[in-house]
Amino acid sequence: MTAWVRGHVQGVGFRWFTRANALRVGGLEGFAVNLGDGRVQIVAEGERQHCERLLAWLREGDTPGRVDGVTEIWGEPRGGYDGFAIR
């Protein structure tokens, strides 16, 4: 799953909280990265139910900053990730 989170999500620790929640969900690998347009992109690979749990947190959880919206796409895992990183 790849998700793009828009709102006030940069400079507030959003990527670190995303990583912490991905680790709490367990079984996820991928990364969170700030984009030049102010969004945060999250790539998460693992069982769909685990990705859905992370996605629900991104949309409805007690996140740092302010989330105005989340857009996601689903695809086949590509692999090559070692844990869940902050980029």
PDB file of N, CA and C in Angstrom:
ATOM      1  N   MET A   1       0.836  -1.166   0.000  1.00  0.00           N
ATOM      2  CA  MET A   1       0.000   0.000   0.000  1.00  0.00           C
ATOM      3  C   MET A   1       0.885   1.234   0.000  1.00  0.00           C
ATOM      4  N   THR A   2       0.514   2.192  -0.815  1.00  0.00           N
ATOM      5  CA  THR A   2       1.166   3.501  -0.796  1.00  0.00           C
ATOM      6  C   THR A   2       0.102   4.521  -0.437  1.00  0.00           C
ATOM      7  N   ALA A   3       0.412   5.353   0.548  1.00  0.00           N
ATOM      8  CA  ALA A   3      -0.536   6.380   0.992  1.00  0.00           C
ATOM      9  C   ALA A   3       0.135   7.739   0.964  1.00  0.00           C
ATOM     10  N   TRP A   4      -0.647   8.751   0.628  1.00  0.00           N
ATOM     11  CA  TRP A   4      -0.190  10.135   0.657  1.00  0.00           C
ATOM     12  C   TRP A   4      -1.079  10.875   1.645  1.00  0.00           C
ATOM     13  N   VAL A   5      -0.450  11.492   2.639  1.00  0.00           N
ATOM     14  CA  VAL A   5      -1.181  12.191   3.692  1.00  0.00           C
ATOM     15  C   VAL A   5      -0.968  13.686   3.502  1.00  0.00           C
ATOM     16  N   ARG A   6      -2.079  14.430   3.436  1.00  0.00           N
ATOM     17  CA  ARG A   6      -1.976  15.877   3.262  1.00  0.00           C
ATOM     18  C   ARG A   6      -2.544  16.573   4.485  1.00  0.00           C
ATOM     19  N   GLY A   7      -2.067  17.779   4.692  1.00  0.00           N
ATOM     20  CA  GLY A   7      -2.446  18.582   5.845  1.00  0.00           C
ATOM     21  C   GLY A   7      -1.183  19.195   6.437  1.00  0.00           C
ATOM     22  N   HIS A   8      -1.221  19.483   7.708  1.00  0.00           N
ATOM     23  CA  HIS A   8      -0.026  19.981   8.405  1.00  0.00           C
ATOM     24  C   HIS A   8       0.671  18.758   8.997  1.00  0.00           C
ATOM     25  N   VAL A   9       1.488  18.077   8.168  1.00  0.00           N
ATOM     26  CA  VAL A   9       2.081  16.798   8.555  1.00  0.00           C
ATOM     27  C   VAL A   9       3.606  16.784   8.452  1.00  0.00           C
ATOM     28  N   GLN A  10       4.205  17.926   8.159  1.00  0.00           N
ATOM     29  CA  GLN A  10       5.661  18.000   8.134  1.00  0.00           C
ATOM     30  C   GLN A  10       6.140  18.907   9.254  1.00  0.00           C
ATOM     31  N   GLY A  11       7.267  18.537   9.846  1.00  0.00           N
ATOM     32  CA  GLY A  11       7.827  19.329  10.926  1.00  0.00           C
ATOM     33  C   GLY A  11       7.134  19.138  12.264  1.00  0.00           C
ATOM     34  N   VAL A  12       6.323  18.082  12.375  1.00  0.00           N
ATOM     35  CA  VAL A  12       5.570  17.828  13.605  1.00  0.00           C
ATOM     36  C   VAL A  12       5.806  16.419  14.155  1.00  0.00           C
ATOM     37  N   GLY A  13       6.748  15.678  13.574  1.00  0.00           N
ATOM     38  CA  GLY A  13       7.025  14.313  14.013  1.00  0.00           C
ATOM     39  C   GLY A  13       6.115  13.268  13.419  1.00  0.00           C
ATOM     40  N   PHE A  14       5.424  13.603  12.332  1.00  0.00           N
ATOM     41  CA  PHE A  14       4.453  12.678  11.745  1.00  0.00           C
ATOM     42  C   PHE A  14       5.102  11.391  11.263  1.00  0.00           C
ATOM     43  N   ARG A  15       6.255  11.487  10.609  1.00  0.00           N
ATOM     44  CA  ARG A  15       6.925  10.275  10.106  1.00  0.00           C
ATOM     45  C   ARG A  15       7.324   9.360  11.253  1.00  0.00           C
ATOM     46  N   TRP A  16       7.793   9.938  12.367  1.00  0.00           N
ATOM     47  CA  TRP A  16       8.206   9.132  13.516  1.00  0.00           C
ATOM     48  C   TRP A  16       7.012   8.426  14.142  1.00  0.00           C
ATOM     49  N   PHE A  17       5.895   9.111  14.257  1.00  0.00           N
ATOM     50  CA  PHE A  17       4.696   8.479  14.788  1.00  0.00           C
ATOM     51  C   PHE A  17       4.166   7.408  13.839  1.00  0.00           C
ATOM     52  N   THR A  18       4.295   7.642  12.534  1.00  0.00           N
ATOM     53  CA  THR A  18       3.880   6.634  11.561  1.00  0.00           C
ATOM     54  C   THR A  18       4.719   5.375  11.725  1.00  0.00           C
ATOM     55  N   ARG A  19       6.028   5.556  11.852  1.00  0.00           N
ATOM     56  CA  ARG A  19       6.920   4.403  12.045  1.00  0.00           C
ATOM     57  C   ARG A  19       6.570   3.662  13.330  1.00  0.00           C
ATOM     58  N   ALA A  20       6.361   4.394  14.415  1.00  0.00           N
ATOM     59  CA  ALA A  20       6.022   3.764  15.693  1.00  0.00           C
ATOM     60  C   ALA A  20       4.734   2.949  15.580  1.00  0.00           C
ATOM     61  N   ASN A  21       3.753   3.468  14.874  1.00  0.00           N
ATOM     62  CA  ASN A  21       2.500   2.734  14.700  1.00  0.00           C
ATOM     63  C   ASN A  21       2.656   1.551  13.767  1.00  0.00           C
ATOM     64  N   ALA A  22       3.482   1.679  12.742  1.00  0.00           N
ATOM     65  CA  ALA A  22       3.756   0.537  11.854  1.00  0.00           C
ATOM     66  C   ALA A  22       4.420  -0.579  12.650  1.00  0.00           C
ATOM     67  N   LEU A  23       5.345  -0.230  13.537  1.00  0.00           N
ATOM     68  CA  LEU A  23       6.000  -1.233  14.364  1.00  0.00           C
ATOM     69  C   LEU A  23       5.025  -1.831  15.372  1.00  0.00           C
ATOM     70  N   ARG A  24       4.124  -1.018  15.899  1.00  0.00           N
ATOM     71  CA  ARG A  24       3.119  -1.515  16.847  1.00  0.00           C
ATOM     72  C   ARG A  24       2.169  -2.492  16.161  1.00  0.00           C
ATOM     73  N   VAL A  25       1.752  -2.165  14.931  1.00  0.00           N
ATOM     74  CA  VAL A  25       0.882  -3.073  14.177  1.00  0.00           C
ATOM     75  C   VAL A  25       1.620  -4.386  13.944  1.00  0.00           C
ATOM     76  N   GLY A  26       2.893  -4.292  13.601  1.00  0.00           N
ATOM     77  CA  GLY A  26       3.721  -5.475  13.379  1.00  0.00           C
ATOM     78  C   GLY A  26       3.565  -6.031  11.974  1.00  0.00           C
ATOM     79  N   GLY A  27       4.582  -6.689  11.505  1.00  0.00           N
ATOM     80  CA  GLY A  27       4.528  -7.358  10.212  1.00  0.00           C
ATOM     81  C   GLY A  27       4.579  -6.428   9.022  1.00  0.00           C
ATOM     82  N   LEU A  28       4.943  -5.162   9.220  1.00  0.00           N
ATOM     83  CA  LEU A  28       4.996  -4.210   8.119  1.00  0.00           C
ATOM     84  C   LEU A  28       6.431  -3.793   7.843  1.00  0.00           C
ATOM     85  N   GLU A  29       6.731  -3.634   6.580  1.00  0.00           N
ATOM     86  CA  GLU A  29       7.998  -3.077   6.146  1.00  0.00           C
ATOM     87  C   GLU A  29       7.701  -1.954   5.175  1.00  0.00           C
ATOM     88  N   GLY A  30       8.602  -0.980   5.099  1.00  0.00           N
ATOM     89  CA  GLY A  30       8.401   0.128   4.178  1.00  0.00           C
ATOM     90  C   GLY A  30       9.072   1.373   4.691  1.00  0.00           C
ATOM     91  N   PHE A  31       8.434   2.525   4.444  1.00  0.00           N
ATOM     92  CA  PHE A  31       9.040   3.796   4.847  1.00  0.00           C
ATOM     93  C   PHE A  31       8.014   4.914   4.852  1.00  0.00           C
ATOM     94  N   ALA A  32       8.402   6.022   5.481  1.00  0.00           N
ATOM     95  CA  ALA A  32       7.646   7.278   5.454  1.00  0.00           C
ATOM     96  C   ALA A  32       8.623   8.371   5.044  1.00  0.00           C
ATOM     97  N   VAL A  33       8.209   9.229   4.113  1.00  0.00           N
ATOM     98  CA  VAL A  33       9.096  10.274   3.599  1.00  0.00           C
ATOM     99  C   VAL A  33       8.306  11.568   3.388  1.00  0.00           C
ATOM    100  N   ASN A  34       8.940  12.701   3.703  1.00  0.00           N
ATOM    101  CA  ASN A  34       8.349  14.001   3.394  1.00  0.00           C
ATOM    102  C   ASN A  34       8.487  14.266   1.904  1.00  0.00           C
ATOM    103  N   LEU A  35       7.444  14.813   1.299  1.00  0.00           N
ATOM    104  CA  LEU A  35       7.481  15.196  -0.111  1.00  0.00           C
ATOM    105  C   LEU A  35       7.611  16.717  -0.212  1.00  0.00           C
ATOM    106  N   GLY A  36       8.096  17.180  -1.327  1.00  0.00           N
ATOM    107  CA  GLY A  36       8.326  18.599  -1.547  1.00  0.00           C
ATOM    108  C   GLY A  36       7.072  19.451  -1.522  1.00  0.00           C
ATOM    109  N   ASP A  37       5.907  18.835  -1.743  1.00  0.00           N
ATOM    110  CA  ASP A  37       4.655  19.596  -1.778  1.00  0.00           C
ATOM    111  C   ASP A  37       3.955  19.660  -0.415  1.00  0.00           C
ATOM    112  N   GLY A  38       4.627  19.184   0.651  1.00  0.00           N
ATOM    113  CA  GLY A  38       4.063  19.260   1.991  1.00  0.00           C
ATOM    114  C   GLY A  38       3.364  17.998   2.463  1.00  0.00           C
ATOM    115  N   ARG A  39       3.197  17.022   1.587  1.00  0.00           N
ATOM    116  CA  ARG A  39       2.575  15.760   1.981  1.00  0.00           C
ATOM    117  C   ARG A  39       3.630  14.814   2.555  1.00  0.00           C
ATOM    118  N   VAL A  40       3.152  13.755   3.200  1.00  0.00           N
ATOM    119  CA  VAL A  40       3.998  12.647   3.617  1.00  0.00           C
ATOM    120  C   VAL A  40       3.540  11.425   2.842  1.00  0.00           C
ATOM    121  N   GLN A  41       4.496  10.712   2.255  1.00  0.00           N
ATOM    122  CA  GLN A  41       4.210   9.471   1.540  1.00  0.00           C
ATOM    123  C   GLN A  41       4.612   8.309   2.433  1.00  0.00           C
ATOM    124  N   ILE A  42       3.721   7.320   2.510  1.00  0.00           N
ATOM    125  CA  ILE A  42       3.988   6.115   3.287  1.00  0.00           C
ATOM    126  C   ILE A  42       3.856   4.915   2.370  1.00  0.00           C
ATOM    127  N   VAL A  43       4.867   4.064   2.371  1.00  0.00           N
ATOM    128  CA  VAL A  43       4.817   2.793   1.668  1.00  0.00           C
ATOM    129  C   VAL A  43       4.863   1.715   2.737  1.00  0.00           C
ATOM    130  N   ALA A  44       3.859   0.853   2.760  1.00  0.00           N
ATOM    131  CA  ALA A  44       3.792  -0.221   3.750  1.00  0.00           C
ATOM    132  C   ALA A  44       3.495  -1.528   3.040  1.00  0.00           C
ATOM    133  N   GLU A  45       4.319  -2.525   3.321  1.00  0.00           N
ATOM    134  CA  GLU A  45       4.112  -3.861   2.771  1.00  0.00           C
ATOM    135  C   GLU A  45       3.957  -4.843   3.916  1.00  0.00           C
ATOM    136  N   GLY A  46       3.036  -5.758   3.731  1.00  0.00           N
ATOM    137  CA  GLY A  46       2.743  -6.783   4.728  1.00  0.00           C
ATOM    138  C   GLY A  46       1.348  -7.307   4.467  1.00  0.00           C
ATOM    139  N   GLU A  47       0.807  -8.037   5.433  1.00  0.00           N
ATOM    140  CA  GLU A  47      -0.553  -8.550   5.271  1.00  0.00           C
ATOM    141  C   GLU A  47      -1.523  -7.379   5.139  1.00  0.00           C
ATOM    142  N   ARG A  48      -2.519  -7.559   4.294  1.00  0.00           N
ATOM    143  CA  ARG A  48      -3.459  -6.467   4.026  1.00  0.00           C
ATOM    144  C   ARG A  48      -4.104  -5.937   5.309  1.00  0.00           C
ATOM    145  N   GLN A  49      -4.475  -6.838   6.206  1.00  0.00           N
ATOM    146  CA  GLN A  49      -5.130  -6.384   7.448  1.00  0.00           C
ATOM    147  C   GLN A  49      -4.203  -5.485   8.258  1.00  0.00           C
ATOM    148  N   HIS A  50      -2.904  -5.741   8.208  1.00  0.00           N
ATOM    149  CA  HIS A  50      -1.957  -4.886   8.920  1.00  0.00           C
ATOM    150  C   HIS A  50      -1.851  -3.523   8.243  1.00  0.00           C
ATOM    151  N   CYS A  51      -1.814  -3.526   6.926  1.00  0.00           N
ATOM    152  CA  CYS A  51      -1.787  -2.257   6.185  1.00  0.00           C
ATOM    153  C   CYS A  51      -3.058  -1.454   6.440  1.00  0.00           C
ATOM    154  N   GLU A  52      -4.188  -2.143   6.487  1.00  0.00           N
ATOM    155  CA  GLU A  52      -5.458  -1.456   6.742  1.00  0.00           C
ATOM    156  C   GLU A  52      -5.482  -0.841   8.135  1.00  0.00           C
ATOM    157  N   ARG A  53      -4.878  -1.517   9.115  1.00  0.00           N
ATOM    158  CA  ARG A  53      -4.800  -0.971  10.468  1.00  0.00           C
ATOM    159  C   ARG A  53      -3.986   0.317  10.495  1.00  0.00           C
ATOM    160  N   LEU A  54      -2.844   0.308   9.791  1.00  0.00           N
ATOM    161  CA  LEU A  54      -2.022   1.511   9.719  1.00  0.00           C
ATOM    162  C   LEU A  54      -2.776   2.625   8.997  1.00  0.00           C
ATOM    163  N   LEU A  55      -3.452   2.298   7.919  1.00  0.00           N
ATOM    164  CA  LEU A  55      -4.223   3.274   7.155  1.00  0.00           C
ATOM    165  C   LEU A  55      -5.325   3.900   8.020  1.00  0.00           C
ATOM    166  N   ALA A  56      -5.993   3.089   8.827  1.00  0.00           N
ATOM    167  CA  ALA A  56      -7.038   3.612   9.719  1.00  0.00           C
ATOM    168  C   ALA A  56      -6.437   4.590  10.719  1.00  0.00           C
ATOM    169  N   TRP A  57      -5.261   4.289  11.248  1.00  0.00           N
ATOM    170  CA  TRP A  57      -4.599   5.208  12.167  1.00  0.00           C
ATOM    171  C   TRP A  57      -4.265   6.515  11.470  1.00  0.00           C
ATOM    172  N   LEU A  58      -3.787   6.433  10.231  1.00  0.00           N
ATOM    173  CA  LEU A  58      -3.450   7.649   9.492  1.00  0.00           C
ATOM    174  C   LEU A  58      -4.687   8.530   9.311  1.00  0.00           C
ATOM    175  N   ARG A  59      -5.828   7.912   9.104  1.00  0.00           N
ATOM    176  CA  ARG A  59      -7.065   8.658   8.852  1.00  0.00           C
ATOM    177  C   ARG A  59      -7.752   9.134  10.118  1.00  0.00           C
ATOM    178  N   GLU A  60      -7.713   8.318  11.163  1.00  0.00           N
ATOM    179  CA  GLU A  60      -8.574   8.578  12.314  1.00  0.00           C
ATOM    180  C   GLU A  60      -7.831   8.647  13.638  1.00  0.00           C
ATOM    181  N   GLY A  61      -6.538   8.348  13.638  1.00  0.00           N
ATOM    182  CA  GLY A  61      -5.807   8.277  14.887  1.00  0.00           C
ATOM    183  C   GLY A  61      -5.434   9.634  15.437  1.00  0.00           C
ATOM    184  N   ASP A  62      -4.850   9.606  16.600  1.00  0.00           N
ATOM    185  CA  ASP A  62      -4.388  10.819  17.274  1.00  0.00           C
ATOM    186  C   ASP A  62      -2.994  11.144  16.736  1.00  0.00           C
ATOM    187  N   THR A  63      -2.958  11.691  15.549  1.00  0.00           N
ATOM    188  CA  THR A  63      -1.695  11.967  14.864  1.00  0.00           C
ATOM    189  C   THR A  63      -1.159  13.336  15.260  1.00  0.00           C
ATOM    190  N   PRO A  64       0.159  13.498  15.172  1.00  0.00           N
ATOM    191  CA  PRO A  64       0.700  14.847  15.348  1.00  0.00           C
ATOM    192  C   PRO A  64       0.328  15.713  14.152  1.00  0.00           C
ATOM    193  N   GLY A  65       0.250  16.998  14.352  1.00  0.00           N
ATOM    194  CA  GLY A  65      -0.124  17.894  13.258  1.00  0.00           C
ATOM    195  C   GLY A  65      -1.607  17.811  12.976  1.00  0.00           C
ATOM    196  N   ARG A  66      -1.954  17.920  11.711  1.00  0.00           N
ATOM    197  CA  ARG A  66      -3.359  17.881  11.297  1.00  0.00           C
ATOM    198  C   ARG A  66      -3.460  17.157   9.956  1.00  0.00           C
ATOM    199  N   VAL A  67      -4.250  16.118   9.898  1.00  0.00           N
ATOM    200  CA  VAL A  67      -4.471  15.369   8.665  1.00  0.00           C
ATOM    201  C   VAL A  67      -5.737  15.887   8.007  1.00  0.00           C
ATOM    202  N   ASP A  68      -5.596  16.401   6.782  1.00  0.00           N
ATOM    203  CA  ASP A  68      -6.753  16.866   6.015  1.00  0.00           C
ATOM    204  C   ASP A  68      -7.301  15.785   5.098  1.00  0.00           C
ATOM    205  N   GLY A  69      -6.479  14.808   4.755  1.00  0.00           N
ATOM    206  CA  GLY A  69      -6.939  13.735   3.888  1.00  0.00           C
ATOM    207  C   GLY A  69      -5.842  12.730   3.616  1.00  0.00           C
ATOM    208  N   VAL A  70      -6.262  11.519   3.267  1.00  0.00           N
ATOM    209  CA  VAL A  70      -5.336  10.436   2.943  1.00  0.00           C
ATOM    210  C   VAL A  70      -5.827   9.777   1.666  1.00  0.00           C
ATOM    211  N   THR A  71      -4.930   9.610   0.721  1.00  0.00           N
ATOM    212  CA  THR A  71      -5.217   8.897  -0.518  1.00  0.00           C
ATOM    213  C   THR A  71      -4.300   7.693  -0.570  1.00  0.00           C
ATOM    214  N   GLU A  72      -4.838   6.538  -0.931  1.00  0.00           N
ATOM    215  CA  GLU A  72      -3.997   5.349  -1.004  1.00  0.00           C
ATOM    216  C   GLU A  72      -4.246   4.569  -2.281  1.00  0.00           C
ATOM    217  N   ILE A  73      -3.236   3.804  -2.647  1.00  0.00           N
ATOM    218  CA  ILE A  73      -3.377   2.832  -3.729  1.00  0.00           C
ATOM    219  C   ILE A  73      -2.826   1.513  -3.210  1.00  0.00           C
ATOM    220  N   TRP A  74      -3.360   0.440  -3.750  1.00  0.00           N
ATOM    221  CA  TRP A  74      -2.925  -0.907  -3.377  1.00  0.00           C
ATOM    222  C   TRP A  74      -2.249  -1.538  -4.576  1.00  0.00           C
ATOM    223  N   GLY A  75      -1.198  -2.275  -4.323  1.00  0.00           N
ATOM    224  CA  GLY A  75      -0.489  -2.956  -5.396  1.00  0.00           C
ATOM    225  C   GLY A  75       0.227  -4.172  -4.855  1.00  0.00           C
ATOM    226  N   GLU A  76       0.910  -4.839  -5.739  1.00  0.00           N
ATOM    227  CA  GLU A  76       1.687  -6.007  -5.348  1.00  0.00           C
ATOM    228  C   GLU A  76       2.940  -5.565  -4.606  1.00  0.00           C
ATOM    229  N   PRO A  77       3.286  -6.249  -3.510  1.00  0.00           N
ATOM    230  CA  PRO A  77       4.522  -5.910  -2.796  1.00  0.00           C
ATOM    231  C   PRO A  77       5.738  -6.053  -3.705  1.00  0.00           C
ATOM    232  N   ARG A  78       6.667  -5.121  -3.572  1.00  0.00           N
ATOM    233  CA  ARG A  78       7.895  -5.151  -4.359  1.00  0.00           C
ATOM    234  C   ARG A  78       9.061  -5.716  -3.569  1.00  0.00           C
ATOM    235  N   GLY A  79       8.957  -5.652  -2.250  1.00  0.00           N
ATOM    236  CA  GLY A  79      10.028  -6.171  -1.401  1.00  0.00           C
ATOM    237  C   GLY A  79      11.224  -5.241  -1.378  1.00  0.00           C
ATOM    238  N   GLY A  80      12.279  -5.713  -0.742  1.00  0.00           N
ATOM    239  CA  GLY A  80      13.513  -4.949  -0.690  1.00  0.00           C
ATOM    240  C   GLY A  80      13.613  -3.990   0.473  1.00  0.00           C
ATOM    241  N   TYR A  81      12.635  -4.008   1.384  1.00  0.00           N
ATOM    242  CA  TYR A  81      12.680  -3.125   2.541  1.00  0.00           C
ATOM    243  C   TYR A  81      13.186  -3.916   3.743  1.00  0.00           C
ATOM    244  N   ASP A  82      13.914  -3.236   4.589  1.00  0.00           N
ATOM    245  CA  ASP A  82      14.440  -3.843   5.822  1.00  0.00           C
ATOM    246  C   ASP A  82      13.832  -3.097   6.998  1.00  0.00           C
ATOM    247  N   GLY A  83      12.711  -3.601   7.494  1.00  0.00           N
ATOM    248  CA  GLY A  83      12.011  -2.917   8.573  1.00  0.00           C
ATOM    249  C   GLY A  83      11.183  -1.764   8.043  1.00  0.00           C
ATOM    250  N   PHE A  84      10.915  -0.810   8.911  1.00  0.00           N
ATOM    251  CA  PHE A  84      10.134   0.367   8.534  1.00  0.00           C
ATOM    252  C   PHE A  84      10.987   1.594   8.804  1.00  0.00           C
ATOM    253  N   ALA A  85      11.359   2.291   7.753  1.00  0.00           N
ATOM    254  CA  ALA A  85      12.338   3.384   7.837  1.00  0.00           C
ATOM    255  C   ALA A  85      11.695   4.749   7.723  1.00  0.00           C
ATOM    256  N   ILE A  86      12.430   5.727   8.191  1.00  0.00           N
ATOM    257  CA  ILE A  86      12.099   7.129   7.971  1.00  0.00           C
ATOM    258  C   ILE A  86      13.118   7.655   6.995  1.00  0.00           C
ATOM    259  N   ARG A  87      12.639   8.232   5.928  1.00  0.00           N
ATOM    260  CA  ARG A  87      13.542   8.758   4.908  1.00  0.00           C
ATOM    261  C   ARG A  87      13.467  10.260   4.852  1.00  0.00           C
TER     262      ARG A  87
END
